[in-house]
Protein backbone atom coordinates (compact mmCIF):
# COMPACT_ATOMS: atom_id res chain seq x y z
CA UNK A 1 -0.37 18.36 -23.78
CA UNK A 2 2.81 20.32 -22.97
CA UNK A 3 3.39 21.36 -19.37
CA UNK A 4 5.80 24.13 -18.40
CA UNK A 5 7.61 23.29 -15.19
CA UNK A 6 8.85 25.98 -12.81
CA UNK A 7 10.25 23.58 -10.20
CA UNK A 8 11.99 20.25 -10.47
CA UNK A 9 9.95 18.70 -7.64
CA UNK A 10 6.60 19.48 -6.04
CA UNK A 11 6.09 17.96 -2.60
CA UNK A 12 2.37 17.60 -1.89
CA UNK A 13 1.33 17.46 1.78
CA UNK A 14 -2.37 16.87 2.53
CA UNK A 15 -3.17 17.98 6.07
CA UNK A 16 -6.25 17.09 8.06
CA UNK A 17 -5.90 17.88 11.79
CA UNK A 18 -2.16 17.08 11.77
CA UNK A 19 -0.86 20.52 12.77
CA UNK A 20 1.18 19.12 15.65
CA UNK A 21 3.39 17.14 13.23
CA UNK A 22 3.35 19.41 10.18
CA UNK A 23 6.53 21.40 10.90
CA UNK A 24 8.54 18.19 11.17
CA UNK A 25 7.32 17.04 7.75
CA UNK A 26 7.93 20.44 6.10
CA UNK A 27 11.36 20.88 7.71
CA UNK A 28 12.44 17.45 6.44
CA UNK A 29 11.80 18.76 2.91
CA UNK A 30 13.44 22.14 3.52
CA UNK A 31 16.57 20.31 4.74
CA UNK A 32 17.08 18.46 1.45
CA UNK A 33 20.49 18.52 -0.21
CA UNK A 34 18.65 19.16 -3.50
CA UNK A 35 16.87 22.52 -3.30
CA UNK A 36 14.89 22.97 -6.54
CA UNK A 37 11.45 22.21 -5.11
CA UNK A 38 8.17 23.67 -3.93
CA UNK A 39 5.98 22.51 -1.06
CA UNK A 40 2.19 22.58 -1.41
CA UNK A 41 0.17 21.96 1.75
CA UNK A 42 -3.50 21.17 1.18
CA UNK A 43 -5.57 21.92 4.26
CA UNK A 44 -8.32 19.33 3.77
CA UNK A 45 -11.01 21.09 5.83
CA UNK A 46 -9.26 20.64 9.18
CA UNK A 47 -11.50 20.98 12.25
CA UNK A 48 -8.77 20.91 14.91
CA UNK A 49 -8.31 24.45 16.26
CA UNK A 50 -4.53 24.13 16.56
CA UNK A 51 -4.20 23.03 12.89
CA UNK A 52 -6.58 25.77 11.68
CA UNK A 53 -4.61 28.48 13.49
CA UNK A 54 -1.26 27.13 12.32
CA UNK A 55 -2.33 27.10 8.66
CA UNK A 56 -4.00 30.52 8.67
CA UNK A 57 -0.70 32.32 8.19
CA UNK A 58 1.80 29.52 7.65
CA UNK A 59 5.17 31.01 6.78
CA UNK A 60 7.87 28.64 5.59
CA UNK A 61 10.24 29.06 2.63
CA UNK A 62 9.11 27.61 -0.73
CA UNK A 63 5.77 26.67 0.86
CA UNK A 64 2.19 27.59 0.04
CA UNK A 65 -1.10 26.49 1.58
CA UNK A 66 -4.33 25.69 -0.26
CA UNK A 67 -7.52 25.61 1.82
CA UNK A 68 -10.34 23.29 0.72
CA UNK A 69 -13.47 21.73 2.25
CA UNK A 70 -12.89 18.25 3.61
CA UNK A 71 -12.94 15.79 0.69
CA UNK A 72 -10.50 13.13 1.83
CA UNK A 73 -6.84 12.46 1.18
CA UNK A 74 -7.28 11.40 -2.47
CA UNK A 75 -8.94 14.65 -3.52
CA UNK A 76 -6.53 16.70 -1.38
CA UNK A 77 -3.57 15.16 -3.21
CA UNK A 78 -5.21 15.66 -6.61
CA UNK A 79 -5.88 19.34 -5.86
CA UNK A 80 -2.29 19.88 -4.78
CA UNK A 81 -0.85 18.06 -7.79
CA UNK A 82 -3.02 20.03 -10.24
CA UNK A 83 -1.57 23.23 -8.70
CA UNK A 84 1.99 21.86 -8.78
CA UNK A 85 4.63 23.37 -11.08
CA UNK A 86 7.14 20.57 -10.55
CA UNK A 87 8.29 18.06 -13.15
CA UNK A 88 8.27 15.36 -10.48
CA UNK A 89 5.72 14.84 -7.72
CA UNK A 90 6.34 13.52 -4.22
CA UNK A 91 3.32 12.93 -1.93
CA UNK A 92 4.19 13.24 1.75
CA UNK A 93 1.73 12.85 4.61
CA UNK A 94 1.71 15.64 7.20
CA UNK A 95 2.87 13.34 10.00
CA UNK A 96 5.74 11.65 8.12
CA UNK A 97 9.22 12.84 7.10
CA UNK A 98 12.01 12.16 4.60
CA UNK A 99 15.80 11.85 4.69
CA UNK A 100 17.80 14.89 3.47
CA UNK A 101 19.09 12.91 0.46
CA UNK A 102 15.77 11.54 -0.82
CA UNK A 103 15.12 14.18 -3.50
CA UNK A 104 18.70 14.01 -4.79
CA UNK A 105 18.72 10.21 -5.02
CA UNK A 106 15.32 9.92 -6.71
CA UNK A 107 15.83 12.73 -9.23
CA UNK A 108 19.05 11.16 -10.49
CA UNK A 109 17.10 8.00 -11.33
CA UNK A 110 14.17 9.79 -12.95
CA UNK A 111 16.44 12.06 -15.02
CA UNK A 112 18.57 9.18 -16.29
CA UNK A 113 15.89 6.55 -16.97
CA UNK A 114 12.83 7.87 -18.81
CA UNK A 115 11.10 4.48 -18.74
CA UNK A 116 10.97 4.54 -14.94
CA UNK A 117 7.73 6.07 -13.70
CA UNK A 118 7.78 5.29 -9.96
CA UNK A 119 10.76 5.69 -7.65
CA UNK A 120 10.52 4.74 -3.99
CA UNK A 121 12.94 3.70 -1.25
CA UNK A 122 13.51 1.59 1.81
CA UNK A 123 11.59 2.96 4.79
CA UNK A 124 11.46 2.83 8.57
CA UNK A 125 8.79 3.27 11.22
CA UNK A 126 9.21 5.83 13.98
CA UNK A 127 7.38 7.44 16.91
CA UNK A 128 5.46 4.64 18.72
CA UNK A 129 7.36 1.88 16.91
CA UNK A 130 10.95 2.11 15.69
CA UNK A 131 12.01 -0.52 13.19
CA UNK A 132 12.66 -1.08 9.49
CA UNK A 133 9.56 -1.33 7.31
CA UNK A 134 10.01 -4.74 5.69
CA UNK A 135 8.60 -4.37 2.17
CA UNK A 136 9.22 -7.21 -0.32
CA UNK A 137 11.01 -6.43 -3.58
CA UNK A 138 8.76 -5.07 -6.30
CA UNK A 139 7.08 -7.58 -8.57
CA UNK A 140 4.20 -6.76 -10.91
CA UNK A 141 2.18 -9.86 -10.11
CA UNK A 142 2.80 -9.63 -6.37
CA UNK A 143 1.63 -6.01 -6.15
CA UNK A 144 -1.79 -7.20 -7.32
CA UNK A 145 -2.06 -9.18 -4.08
CA UNK A 146 -0.36 -6.75 -1.69
CA UNK A 147 0.93 -3.18 -1.86
CA UNK A 148 4.73 -3.28 -2.24
CA UNK A 149 5.31 0.49 -2.64
CA UNK A 150 5.14 2.89 0.29
CA UNK A 151 2.95 6.00 0.08
CA UNK A 152 5.90 8.39 -0.37
CA UNK A 153 7.11 7.61 -3.90
CA UNK A 154 8.08 9.89 -6.80
CA UNK A 155 6.27 10.02 -10.13
CA UNK A 156 6.12 12.39 -13.11
CA UNK A 157 3.41 15.03 -13.37
CA UNK A 158 3.25 14.21 -17.10
CA UNK A 159 2.18 10.67 -16.15
CA UNK A 160 -0.27 11.93 -13.53
CA UNK A 161 -2.20 13.99 -16.10
CA UNK A 162 -2.58 10.85 -18.23
CA UNK A 163 -4.69 9.37 -15.40
CA UNK A 164 -7.65 10.43 -13.29
CA UNK A 165 -5.33 10.81 -10.32
CA UNK A 166 -5.92 9.35 -6.88
CA UNK A 167 -9.30 7.65 -6.90
CA UNK A 168 -11.86 9.13 -4.51
CA UNK A 169 -13.86 5.89 -4.54
CA UNK A 170 -11.16 4.37 -2.28
CA UNK A 171 -12.91 6.11 0.59
CA UNK A 172 -11.79 3.80 3.40
CA UNK A 173 -8.12 3.58 2.40
CA UNK A 174 -5.66 1.80 0.06
CA UNK A 175 -5.73 4.86 -2.25
CA UNK A 176 -1.91 4.77 -2.60
CA UNK A 177 -1.95 1.14 -3.73
CA UNK A 178 -4.77 1.95 -6.14
CA UNK A 179 -2.81 4.86 -7.65
CA UNK A 180 0.36 2.79 -8.12
CA UNK A 181 -1.72 0.26 -10.08
CA UNK A 182 -3.08 3.14 -12.17
CA UNK A 183 0.46 4.20 -13.08
CA UNK A 184 1.49 0.61 -13.77
CA UNK A 185 -1.36 0.37 -16.27
CA UNK A 186 0.63 2.93 -18.30
CA UNK A 187 3.42 0.30 -18.64
CA UNK A 188 5.81 2.29 -16.46
CA UNK A 189 8.81 0.74 -14.72
CA UNK A 190 9.50 0.87 -10.99
CA UNK A 191 12.77 1.48 -9.15
CA UNK A 192 13.47 1.02 -5.45
CA UNK A 193 16.37 2.96 -3.93
CA UNK A 194 18.14 0.51 -1.58
CA UNK A 195 18.43 3.06 1.25
CA UNK A 196 16.17 4.15 4.11
CA UNK A 197 15.04 7.60 2.98
CA UNK A 198 11.42 7.70 4.21
CA UNK A 199 10.12 7.61 7.79
CA UNK A 200 6.52 6.55 8.45
CA UNK A 201 5.01 7.63 11.74
CA UNK A 202 3.25 4.86 13.66
CA UNK A 203 0.44 6.01 15.96
CA UNK A 204 -1.99 3.89 17.97
CA UNK A 205 -4.87 5.73 16.32
CA UNK A 206 -4.67 6.43 12.58
CA UNK A 207 -6.72 5.95 9.42
CA UNK A 208 -4.57 3.00 8.31
CA UNK A 209 -4.77 1.37 11.75
CA UNK A 210 -8.55 1.79 11.76
CA UNK A 211 -8.80 0.16 8.33
CA UNK A 212 -6.54 -2.74 9.32
CA UNK A 213 -8.84 -3.48 12.27
CA UNK A 214 -12.06 -3.16 10.29
CA UNK A 215 -12.64 -6.34 8.26
CA UNK A 216 -15.77 -5.03 6.54
CA UNK A 217 -14.17 -1.82 5.25
CA UNK A 218 -10.95 -3.62 4.37
CA UNK A 219 -12.92 -6.14 2.29
CA UNK A 220 -14.81 -3.32 0.53
CA UNK A 221 -11.52 -1.56 -0.21
CA UNK A 222 -10.03 -4.71 -1.76
CA UNK A 223 -13.18 -5.24 -3.81
CA UNK A 224 -13.05 -1.64 -5.07
CA UNK A 225 -9.38 -2.06 -5.93
CA UNK A 226 -10.25 -5.04 -8.13
CA UNK A 227 -13.16 -3.20 -9.77
CA UNK A 228 -10.91 -0.21 -10.54
CA UNK A 229 -8.27 -2.41 -12.22
CA UNK A 230 -10.13 -5.42 -13.62
CA UNK A 231 -8.13 -5.49 -16.86
CA UNK A 232 -4.81 -5.55 -15.00
CA UNK A 233 -5.99 -8.28 -12.62
CA UNK A 234 -7.47 -10.37 -15.43
CA UNK A 235 -4.17 -10.15 -17.30
CA UNK A 236 -2.16 -11.75 -14.50
CA UNK A 237 -4.67 -13.48 -12.23
CA UNK A 238 -7.48 -15.88 -13.03
CA UNK A 239 -10.91 -14.30 -12.98
CA UNK A 240 -13.10 -14.88 -9.90
CA UNK A 241 -15.47 -16.98 -12.05
CA UNK A 242 -12.65 -19.42 -12.89
CA UNK A 243 -11.55 -19.53 -9.24
CA UNK A 244 -15.12 -20.24 -8.10
CA UNK A 245 -15.40 -23.04 -10.68
CA UNK A 246 -12.10 -24.52 -9.45
CA UNK A 247 -13.31 -24.27 -5.87
CA UNK A 248 -16.53 -26.05 -6.74
CA UNK A 249 -14.60 -28.80 -8.57
CA UNK A 250 -12.37 -29.20 -5.49
CA UNK A 251 -15.44 -29.49 -3.25
CA UNK A 252 -16.91 -32.18 -5.53
CA UNK A 253 -13.61 -34.13 -5.47
CA UNK A 254 -13.40 -33.88 -1.67
CA UNK A 255 -16.98 -35.10 -1.32
CA UNK A 256 -16.27 -37.96 -3.76
CA UNK A 257 -13.31 -39.25 -1.72
CA UNK A 258 -15.19 -38.70 1.52
CA UNK A 259 -18.04 -40.87 0.23
CA UNK A 260 -15.55 -43.52 -0.98
CA UNK A 261 -13.88 -43.60 2.43
CA UNK A 262 -17.25 -43.95 4.20
CA UNK A 263 -18.12 -46.92 1.94
CA UNK A 264 -14.78 -48.58 2.75
CA UNK A 265 -15.17 -47.83 6.48
CA UNK A 266 -18.62 -49.43 6.53
CA UNK A 267 -17.58 -52.47 4.49
CA UNK A 268 -17.46 -55.95 6.06
CA UNK A 269 -13.81 -56.56 5.05
CA UNK A 270 -12.70 -53.26 6.62
CA UNK A 271 -14.41 -54.08 9.93
CA UNK A 272 -12.88 -57.57 9.97
CA UNK A 273 -9.43 -56.18 9.16
CA UNK A 274 -9.77 -53.55 11.86
CA UNK A 275 -10.61 -56.20 14.45
CA UNK A 276 -7.59 -58.29 13.42
CA UNK A 277 -5.20 -55.34 13.60
CA UNK A 278 -6.50 -53.93 16.90
CA UNK A 279 -4.70 -56.47 19.21
CA UNK A 280 -1.37 -55.83 17.45
CA UNK A 281 -1.86 -52.09 17.97
CA UNK A 282 -2.27 -52.68 21.70
CA UNK A 283 0.89 -54.85 21.78
CA UNK A 284 2.83 -52.11 19.94
CA UNK A 285 1.77 -49.55 22.56
CA UNK A 286 2.93 -51.93 25.34
CA UNK A 287 6.34 -52.47 23.74
CA UNK A 288 6.76 -48.71 23.27
CA UNK A 289 5.98 -48.20 26.95
CA UNK A 290 8.55 -50.86 27.98
CA UNK A 291 11.22 -49.32 25.74
CA UNK A 292 10.52 -45.93 27.28
CA UNK A 293 11.13 -47.38 30.76
C-alpha cells in the first residue's frame, strides 16, 4: 500500500474535557523550529462546556479539529492518525507540551535510519510536580515488564497501517505501552534522544493517577497486555504455566526442609544439645554486658 504524504509530521492531539490546557499544547507545536507539520485535534465527545465552546470554532494555524462521540483515547488517536497526511506521527496529549526542537531532532533520526521505528526523548514533569522523569534505558526484555517509552514518541504512518493501531481493549489505561509492543512486534528499532524535549503534566486527578491507585483495574490492564502480545512475551519470558510449576516445586522444597527441621527440633539429641548450650549462651550475654560497661 502506497501512501502519499502532504506533511512531514502529523501531531495528533486527543482532547476530552482538556480545553483549559489545549492552547499550551498546540502552541508548543506551532513554536517548533521545524515547520512542516499539521496538527489534528480529535474532540473525543467532550462534555465540559468550556472545551465544547473552545473547539466549536478553533482557529489556529495548521490545525484542524475532528469531532467524534466519546470512544476513549485509543480510538481518538486512531481516528486522528487515519486522517493524518504526515509521513511521521507524533501523539501528544492535550494537557502536555513539547520543546521547540523536538520535531527537528526526531526527524533527523527517522530520515537517516530507516530501521528505527520509534523515536522518543528524555522527559520532565511539570505543573503540580517539577522534576525529571526518570525512565530507564530502552531494553526489549525490560519493556515487557515495565513501559520504558513515554507516550509522546514518533513513529511512521507506514508502520501504523501495518497494525490495528492503538488497542481499544486497553480500556483502563496502558494503551501507549501496548502500542509500543505492537510496533516492536514488527522488529523495529528504538532510539532515545538524550535531551529533555517532552513535558508531562502532573495533576492530582488524572486517568493515569486513577489507574495507579486502582489495583483491580491495573491488574486487568496488565493481563490484557499479556493477552494482546502472548507471542512476544513467550519469546522472552517463561510462560505462566512454567512459572506456576516452578512455584509449586519451590513450595514442595520449602515444605520438605520445614518438615526436616521439625524432625530435628523434636529429636532427643537436639533437645539434649540445646540444654547443654543454653548455660553458655547465658554466660555469653553476661560477658557482653560487662564489656559494654
